[in-house]
Amino acid sequence: MCDSALFEDREYRTPRQLADLVGGQDKLVWQSANPFKNWPEGKDWRDFDLCLCPIDLESTLKLAGFRWHRGADPMEYFAERL
């Protein structure tokens, strides 16, 4: 399972969805390296409709004015407005 962000009973599973939560695609903080090293050459790992693995969720949420905590599942980030 991949990371997800939860806020006000909604789950955000893709960079496109998360961009809606944080105020735009330019507010996303991407990982510094491709997390999908074994992908075929030419595959874009910064695709907005993939999972949140290429996103630095902690930095993205913090910069957007959220605090967060993980649930029982460490892949779930519960976000709250500061």
Protein backbone atom coordinates (compact mmCIF):
# COMPACT_ATOMS: atom_id res chain seq x y z
CA MET A 1 0.00 0.00 0.00
CA CYS A 2 1.17 3.54 -0.70
CA ASP A 3 1.03 6.66 1.45
CA SER A 4 -2.19 8.61 1.77
CA ALA A 5 -3.16 11.85 3.47
CA LEU A 6 -6.48 12.11 5.30
CA PHE A 7 -8.17 15.43 6.05
CA GLU A 8 -11.77 16.04 7.12
CA ASP A 9 -13.00 12.57 6.12
CA ARG A 10 -11.38 12.71 2.68
CA GLU A 11 -8.44 10.60 1.53
CA TYR A 12 -5.83 11.98 -0.86
CA ARG A 13 -3.92 9.26 -2.75
CA THR A 14 -2.34 10.99 -5.78
CA PRO A 15 -0.20 14.11 -6.22
CA ARG A 16 -3.09 15.70 -8.16
CA GLN A 17 -5.49 15.12 -5.25
CA LEU A 18 -2.95 16.31 -2.69
CA ALA A 19 -2.36 19.48 -4.73
CA ASP A 20 -6.04 20.30 -4.26
CA LEU A 21 -5.59 20.05 -0.49
CA VAL A 22 -2.38 22.09 -0.22
CA GLY A 23 -3.25 24.87 -2.65
CA GLY A 24 -1.75 23.88 -5.98
CA GLN A 25 0.74 21.68 -7.75
CA ASP A 26 3.55 24.17 -7.09
CA LYS A 27 3.10 23.53 -3.34
CA LEU A 28 4.10 19.86 -3.59
CA VAL A 29 7.54 18.90 -2.29
CA TRP A 30 8.91 16.06 -4.40
CA GLN A 31 11.43 13.49 -3.18
CA SER A 32 14.95 14.31 -4.31
CA ALA A 33 15.37 10.94 -6.04
CA ASN A 34 13.18 8.64 -8.08
CA PRO A 35 11.56 6.13 -5.68
CA PHE A 36 10.73 3.85 -8.62
CA LYS A 37 14.28 2.97 -9.67
CA ASN A 38 13.20 -0.21 -11.43
CA TRP A 39 10.70 1.49 -13.75
CA PRO A 40 11.22 1.24 -17.49
CA GLU A 41 13.39 3.98 -18.91
CA GLY A 42 11.42 7.06 -19.87
CA LYS A 43 8.58 6.51 -17.40
CA ASP A 44 7.79 9.81 -15.65
CA TRP A 45 7.94 9.25 -11.89
CA ARG A 46 6.48 12.73 -11.31
CA ASP A 47 3.15 11.84 -12.90
CA PHE A 48 0.32 13.59 -11.04
CA ASP A 49 -1.93 10.54 -11.23
CA LEU A 50 0.46 8.05 -9.61
CA CYS A 51 0.66 7.29 -5.90
CA LEU A 52 2.13 9.65 -3.32
CA CYS A 53 5.46 7.78 -3.03
CA PRO A 54 7.39 10.49 -4.95
CA ILE A 55 6.01 13.22 -2.63
CA ASP A 56 7.71 14.26 0.60
CA LEU A 57 4.42 14.25 2.51
CA GLU A 58 5.82 15.56 5.78
CA SER A 59 7.43 18.61 4.14
CA THR A 60 4.45 19.24 1.85
CA LEU A 61 1.94 19.22 4.71
CA LYS A 62 4.14 21.33 6.97
CA LEU A 63 4.75 24.00 4.31
CA ALA A 64 1.01 24.12 3.55
CA GLY A 65 0.20 24.92 7.18
CA PHE A 66 -0.84 21.50 8.41
CA ARG A 67 0.31 19.43 11.31
CA TRP A 68 0.06 15.70 10.90
CA HIS A 69 0.31 12.41 12.71
CA ARG A 70 0.40 8.85 11.52
CA GLY A 71 -2.37 6.39 12.21
CA ALA A 72 -2.13 2.74 13.18
CA ASP A 73 -1.13 2.19 9.56
CA PRO A 74 2.20 4.07 9.16
CA MET A 75 1.30 4.84 5.53
CA GLU A 76 -1.63 7.04 6.63
CA TYR A 77 -0.95 10.69 7.45
CA PHE A 78 -3.79 12.42 9.29
CA ALA A 79 -3.62 16.15 8.57
CA GLU A 80 -4.99 19.00 10.69
CA ARG A 81 -4.89 22.73 9.99
CA LEU A 82 -2.60 24.66 12.31
